[in-house]
Every structure is written in structure tokens, then in C-alpha cells.
Amino acid sequence: MLSLEEIRRIAHLARIAVDEREVALLQTQLNDILAMIEAMRAVDTRGVEPMSHPQELRQRLREDRVTETDQRALFQALAPAVEDGLYLVPKVIE
């Protein structure tokens, strides 16, 4: 259980402005979240295989082939500065 002082400290560390009237509400909400996490930790999950999705779905796979034409020369012709096939950009950090 988080105390009111701990809630104020968490808000300060997170740089969140919390009105004194909201501290008690935040305490209740955060303690409820922590209680739910503890309840979830109490569940025995040994032997349960992790799932990538809660439903048994299969990915439809498509043929791995090129579908776009090479437009590199066109795009580089439009660029303000190109050298050896690379786009040149202004230096932003000294």
C-alpha cells in the first residue's frame, strides 16, 4: 500500500503536478493497480505456454517478391544534394 507521502514523491519524480485534492484519489487508484498485479502474480502459470495472441489466429503469408519499381534515380534527382548515391543533409549538431 502506497502512502500519501509516497504518492506525492512519485508525482514529484515524474514531474507531474498533482493537486492536493487529487492525491487521495491517486493513492486509491495506484493501490488498486498494485493489488491487481499481486493477484495476477498469485496465479500459478507453470506449464502454461506463452501465446502471441489470445485467439488461435494464423498469419496469411504472401509470396516474397518485389512489387515496386526502382525509382532511386528519380528521387535522387529531386534531392537538393546527393553524393555517391547518398542524400546529403545539413549538419545539425556542432
N, C-alpha and C. Protein backbone atom coordinates (compact mmCIF):
# COMPACT_ATOMS: atom_id res chain seq x y z
N MET A 1 0.84 -1.18 0.00
CA MET A 1 0.00 0.00 0.00
C MET A 1 0.89 1.25 0.00
N LEU A 2 0.61 2.11 -0.92
CA LEU A 2 1.36 3.36 -1.01
C LEU A 2 0.74 4.39 -0.08
N SER A 3 1.60 5.13 0.61
CA SER A 3 1.12 6.20 1.49
C SER A 3 0.90 7.48 0.67
N LEU A 4 0.25 8.45 1.30
CA LEU A 4 0.03 9.73 0.62
C LEU A 4 1.37 10.41 0.31
N GLU A 5 2.32 10.28 1.23
CA GLU A 5 3.64 10.88 1.01
C GLU A 5 4.35 10.22 -0.17
N GLU A 6 4.21 8.91 -0.31
CA GLU A 6 4.82 8.20 -1.44
C GLU A 6 4.18 8.64 -2.76
N ILE A 7 2.88 8.87 -2.76
CA ILE A 7 2.19 9.35 -3.96
C ILE A 7 2.73 10.72 -4.35
N ARG A 8 2.90 11.60 -3.36
CA ARG A 8 3.45 12.93 -3.65
C ARG A 8 4.87 12.82 -4.21
N ARG A 9 5.67 11.91 -3.64
CA ARG A 9 7.05 11.73 -4.11
C ARG A 9 7.08 11.17 -5.53
N ILE A 10 6.23 10.21 -5.81
CA ILE A 10 6.16 9.65 -7.17
C ILE A 10 5.78 10.74 -8.17
N ALA A 11 4.79 11.54 -7.81
CA ALA A 11 4.37 12.64 -8.69
C ALA A 11 5.51 13.62 -8.91
N HIS A 12 6.24 13.92 -7.85
CA HIS A 12 7.38 14.85 -7.98
C HIS A 12 8.44 14.27 -8.90
N LEU A 13 8.79 12.98 -8.70
CA LEU A 13 9.81 12.35 -9.54
C LEU A 13 9.38 12.26 -10.99
N ALA A 14 8.07 12.09 -11.22
CA ALA A 14 7.55 12.00 -12.58
C ALA A 14 7.30 13.39 -13.17
N ARG A 15 7.56 14.41 -12.39
CA ARG A 15 7.33 15.80 -12.82
C ARG A 15 5.87 16.01 -13.24
N ILE A 16 4.97 15.47 -12.41
CA ILE A 16 3.53 15.62 -12.65
C ILE A 16 2.97 16.52 -11.55
N ALA A 17 2.30 17.58 -11.95
CA ALA A 17 1.67 18.47 -10.97
C ALA A 17 0.38 17.82 -10.49
N VAL A 18 0.34 17.50 -9.20
CA VAL A 18 -0.83 16.85 -8.62
C VAL A 18 -1.39 17.77 -7.53
N ASP A 19 -2.64 18.13 -7.70
CA ASP A 19 -3.33 18.95 -6.72
C ASP A 19 -3.53 18.12 -5.45
N GLU A 20 -3.45 18.77 -4.30
CA GLU A 20 -3.62 18.05 -3.03
C GLU A 20 -4.95 17.31 -2.95
N ARG A 21 -5.97 17.83 -3.63
CA ARG A 21 -7.27 17.15 -3.61
C ARG A 21 -7.23 15.85 -4.40
N GLU A 22 -6.27 15.71 -5.33
CA GLU A 22 -6.18 14.51 -6.17
C GLU A 22 -5.31 13.42 -5.56
N VAL A 23 -4.51 13.75 -4.55
CA VAL A 23 -3.56 12.80 -4.00
C VAL A 23 -4.27 11.55 -3.46
N ALA A 24 -5.35 11.72 -2.71
CA ALA A 24 -6.06 10.57 -2.14
C ALA A 24 -6.67 9.70 -3.23
N LEU A 25 -7.21 10.33 -4.27
CA LEU A 25 -7.78 9.57 -5.39
C LEU A 25 -6.68 8.77 -6.10
N LEU A 26 -5.54 9.41 -6.34
CA LEU A 26 -4.42 8.71 -6.97
C LEU A 26 -3.92 7.56 -6.10
N GLN A 27 -3.91 7.78 -4.79
CA GLN A 27 -3.49 6.72 -3.87
C GLN A 27 -4.40 5.50 -4.03
N THR A 28 -5.70 5.72 -4.06
CA THR A 28 -6.65 4.63 -4.22
C THR A 28 -6.45 3.92 -5.55
N GLN A 29 -6.32 4.69 -6.63
CA GLN A 29 -6.16 4.10 -7.96
C GLN A 29 -4.86 3.30 -8.08
N LEU A 30 -3.76 3.86 -7.62
CA LEU A 30 -2.48 3.15 -7.71
C LEU A 30 -2.47 1.91 -6.81
N ASN A 31 -3.06 2.00 -5.64
CA ASN A 31 -3.12 0.83 -4.77
C ASN A 31 -4.00 -0.26 -5.38
N ASP A 32 -5.07 0.13 -6.08
CA ASP A 32 -5.91 -0.86 -6.77
C ASP A 32 -5.11 -1.55 -7.88
N ILE A 33 -4.32 -0.79 -8.62
CA ILE A 33 -3.50 -1.36 -9.69
C ILE A 33 -2.48 -2.33 -9.11
N LEU A 34 -1.83 -1.93 -8.03
CA LEU A 34 -0.84 -2.81 -7.39
C LEU A 34 -1.49 -4.07 -6.83
N ALA A 35 -2.70 -3.95 -6.29
CA ALA A 35 -3.42 -5.12 -5.78
C ALA A 35 -3.75 -6.08 -6.93
N MET A 36 -4.13 -5.54 -8.09
CA MET A 36 -4.43 -6.38 -9.25
C MET A 36 -3.16 -7.10 -9.72
N ILE A 37 -2.04 -6.42 -9.71
CA ILE A 37 -0.78 -7.05 -10.10
C ILE A 37 -0.44 -8.19 -9.13
N GLU A 38 -0.62 -7.96 -7.85
CA GLU A 38 -0.35 -9.01 -6.86
C GLU A 38 -1.27 -10.21 -7.08
N ALA A 39 -2.54 -9.95 -7.41
CA ALA A 39 -3.48 -11.05 -7.67
C ALA A 39 -3.04 -11.84 -8.89
N MET A 40 -2.55 -11.15 -9.91
CA MET A 40 -2.08 -11.82 -11.12
C MET A 40 -0.82 -12.64 -10.83
N ARG A 41 0.05 -12.13 -9.97
CA ARG A 41 1.27 -12.86 -9.61
C ARG A 41 0.95 -14.13 -8.84
N ALA A 42 -0.17 -14.14 -8.13
CA ALA A 42 -0.53 -15.29 -7.32
C ALA A 42 -0.99 -16.48 -8.16
N VAL A 43 -1.34 -16.25 -9.42
CA VAL A 43 -1.81 -17.32 -10.29
C VAL A 43 -0.64 -18.21 -10.71
N ASP A 44 -0.83 -19.53 -10.57
CA ASP A 44 0.22 -20.48 -10.95
C ASP A 44 0.20 -20.64 -12.47
N THR A 45 1.24 -20.17 -13.14
CA THR A 45 1.30 -20.25 -14.60
C THR A 45 2.35 -21.24 -15.08
N ARG A 46 2.85 -22.08 -14.16
CA ARG A 46 3.82 -23.09 -14.58
C ARG A 46 3.14 -24.04 -15.57
N GLY A 47 3.84 -24.33 -16.64
CA GLY A 47 3.31 -25.24 -17.64
C GLY A 47 2.40 -24.57 -18.66
N VAL A 48 2.14 -23.29 -18.53
CA VAL A 48 1.31 -22.57 -19.49
C VAL A 48 2.22 -21.98 -20.55
N GLU A 49 1.98 -22.35 -21.79
CA GLU A 49 2.82 -21.87 -22.89
C GLU A 49 2.43 -20.44 -23.26
N PRO A 50 3.40 -19.54 -23.39
CA PRO A 50 3.09 -18.16 -23.80
C PRO A 50 2.43 -18.13 -25.17
N MET A 51 1.52 -17.18 -25.33
CA MET A 51 0.81 -17.04 -26.60
C MET A 51 1.18 -15.71 -27.24
N SER A 52 1.22 -15.69 -28.56
CA SER A 52 1.48 -14.43 -29.25
C SER A 52 0.19 -13.64 -29.44
N HIS A 53 -0.96 -14.32 -29.31
CA HIS A 53 -2.26 -13.68 -29.48
C HIS A 53 -3.28 -14.47 -28.67
N PRO A 54 -4.26 -13.82 -28.08
CA PRO A 54 -5.22 -14.55 -27.26
C PRO A 54 -6.14 -15.47 -28.06
N GLN A 55 -6.20 -15.31 -29.36
CA GLN A 55 -7.01 -16.18 -30.20
C GLN A 55 -6.10 -17.00 -31.10
N GLU A 56 -6.58 -18.15 -31.52
CA GLU A 56 -5.79 -19.00 -32.41
C GLU A 56 -5.89 -18.46 -33.84
N LEU A 57 -5.05 -17.53 -34.16
CA LEU A 57 -5.04 -16.93 -35.49
C LEU A 57 -3.78 -17.35 -36.23
N ARG A 58 -3.88 -17.46 -37.50
CA ARG A 58 -2.73 -17.78 -38.35
C ARG A 58 -2.44 -16.58 -39.25
N GLN A 59 -1.17 -16.31 -39.43
CA GLN A 59 -0.77 -15.24 -40.35
C GLN A 59 -0.88 -15.73 -41.78
N ARG A 60 -1.57 -14.97 -42.59
CA ARG A 60 -1.59 -15.29 -44.01
C ARG A 60 -0.30 -14.76 -44.61
N LEU A 61 0.44 -15.61 -45.24
CA LEU A 61 1.72 -15.21 -45.81
C LEU A 61 1.57 -15.00 -47.31
N ARG A 62 2.27 -14.03 -47.80
CA ARG A 62 2.27 -13.78 -49.23
C ARG A 62 3.64 -14.13 -49.80
N GLU A 63 3.67 -14.27 -51.08
CA GLU A 63 4.93 -14.55 -51.74
C GLU A 63 5.88 -13.38 -51.55
N ASP A 64 7.11 -13.65 -51.23
CA ASP A 64 8.11 -12.62 -51.03
C ASP A 64 8.70 -12.24 -52.38
N ARG A 65 8.16 -11.18 -52.97
CA ARG A 65 8.64 -10.73 -54.28
C ARG A 65 8.57 -9.22 -54.35
N VAL A 66 9.38 -8.64 -55.22
CA VAL A 66 9.43 -7.20 -55.41
C VAL A 66 8.18 -6.76 -56.16
N THR A 67 7.49 -5.76 -55.61
CA THR A 67 6.27 -5.27 -56.27
C THR A 67 6.40 -3.81 -56.71
N GLU A 68 7.46 -3.13 -56.27
CA GLU A 68 7.66 -1.73 -56.64
C GLU A 68 8.82 -1.62 -57.60
N THR A 69 8.74 -0.65 -58.49
CA THR A 69 9.85 -0.42 -59.41
C THR A 69 10.92 0.43 -58.73
N ASP A 70 12.16 0.30 -59.17
CA ASP A 70 13.27 1.05 -58.60
C ASP A 70 13.18 2.50 -59.09
N GLN A 71 12.95 3.44 -58.16
CA GLN A 71 12.83 4.85 -58.51
C GLN A 71 13.92 5.68 -57.84
N ARG A 72 15.00 5.03 -57.48
CA ARG A 72 16.08 5.71 -56.77
C ARG A 72 16.62 6.89 -57.56
N ALA A 73 16.90 6.71 -58.83
CA ALA A 73 17.45 7.80 -59.66
C ALA A 73 16.49 8.97 -59.72
N LEU A 74 15.20 8.69 -59.84
CA LEU A 74 14.19 9.76 -59.88
C LEU A 74 14.19 10.55 -58.58
N PHE A 75 14.17 9.83 -57.44
CA PHE A 75 14.13 10.51 -56.14
C PHE A 75 15.41 11.29 -55.88
N GLN A 76 16.55 10.75 -56.27
CA GLN A 76 17.79 11.46 -56.03
C GLN A 76 17.93 12.67 -56.94
N ALA A 77 17.29 12.64 -58.09
CA ALA A 77 17.31 13.80 -58.98
C ALA A 77 16.53 14.96 -58.36
N LEU A 78 15.57 14.65 -57.52
CA LEU A 78 14.76 15.69 -56.87
C LEU A 78 15.41 16.23 -55.60
N ALA A 79 16.38 15.52 -55.06
CA ALA A 79 17.02 15.92 -53.80
C ALA A 79 17.91 17.12 -54.00
N PRO A 80 18.00 18.00 -53.00
CA PRO A 80 18.85 19.18 -53.12
C PRO A 80 20.34 18.84 -53.18
N ALA A 81 20.77 17.78 -52.49
CA ALA A 81 22.20 17.43 -52.50
C ALA A 81 22.37 15.92 -52.36
N VAL A 82 23.13 15.33 -53.30
CA VAL A 82 23.39 13.89 -53.31
C VAL A 82 24.86 13.68 -53.62
N GLU A 83 25.47 12.69 -52.97
CA GLU A 83 26.86 12.36 -53.27
C GLU A 83 27.03 10.85 -53.16
N ASP A 84 27.54 10.22 -54.19
CA ASP A 84 27.78 8.78 -54.23
C ASP A 84 26.52 7.98 -53.87
N GLY A 85 25.37 8.45 -54.33
CA GLY A 85 24.12 7.73 -54.09
C GLY A 85 23.52 7.96 -52.71
N LEU A 86 24.10 8.87 -51.93
CA LEU A 86 23.58 9.16 -50.59
C LEU A 86 23.04 10.58 -50.54
N TYR A 87 21.99 10.78 -49.77
CA TYR A 87 21.42 12.12 -49.58
C TYR A 87 22.29 12.88 -48.60
N LEU A 88 22.63 14.11 -48.92
CA LEU A 88 23.40 14.98 -48.03
C LEU A 88 22.42 15.90 -47.31
N VAL A 89 22.60 15.99 -46.00
CA VAL A 89 21.72 16.84 -45.19
C VAL A 89 22.59 17.82 -44.42
N PRO A 90 22.02 18.96 -44.04
CA PRO A 90 22.80 19.94 -43.27
C PRO A 90 23.18 19.39 -41.90
N LYS A 91 24.33 19.79 -41.42
CA LYS A 91 24.78 19.40 -40.09
C LYS A 91 23.92 20.12 -39.06
N VAL A 92 23.39 19.35 -38.09
CA VAL A 92 22.52 19.98 -37.09
C VAL A 92 23.14 20.00 -35.70
N ILE A 93 24.17 19.20 -35.48
CA ILE A 93 24.86 19.20 -34.18
C ILE A 93 26.31 19.56 -34.42
N GLU A 94 26.77 20.54 -33.70
CA GLU A 94 28.14 21.01 -33.85
C GLU A 94 29.08 20.18 -33.02
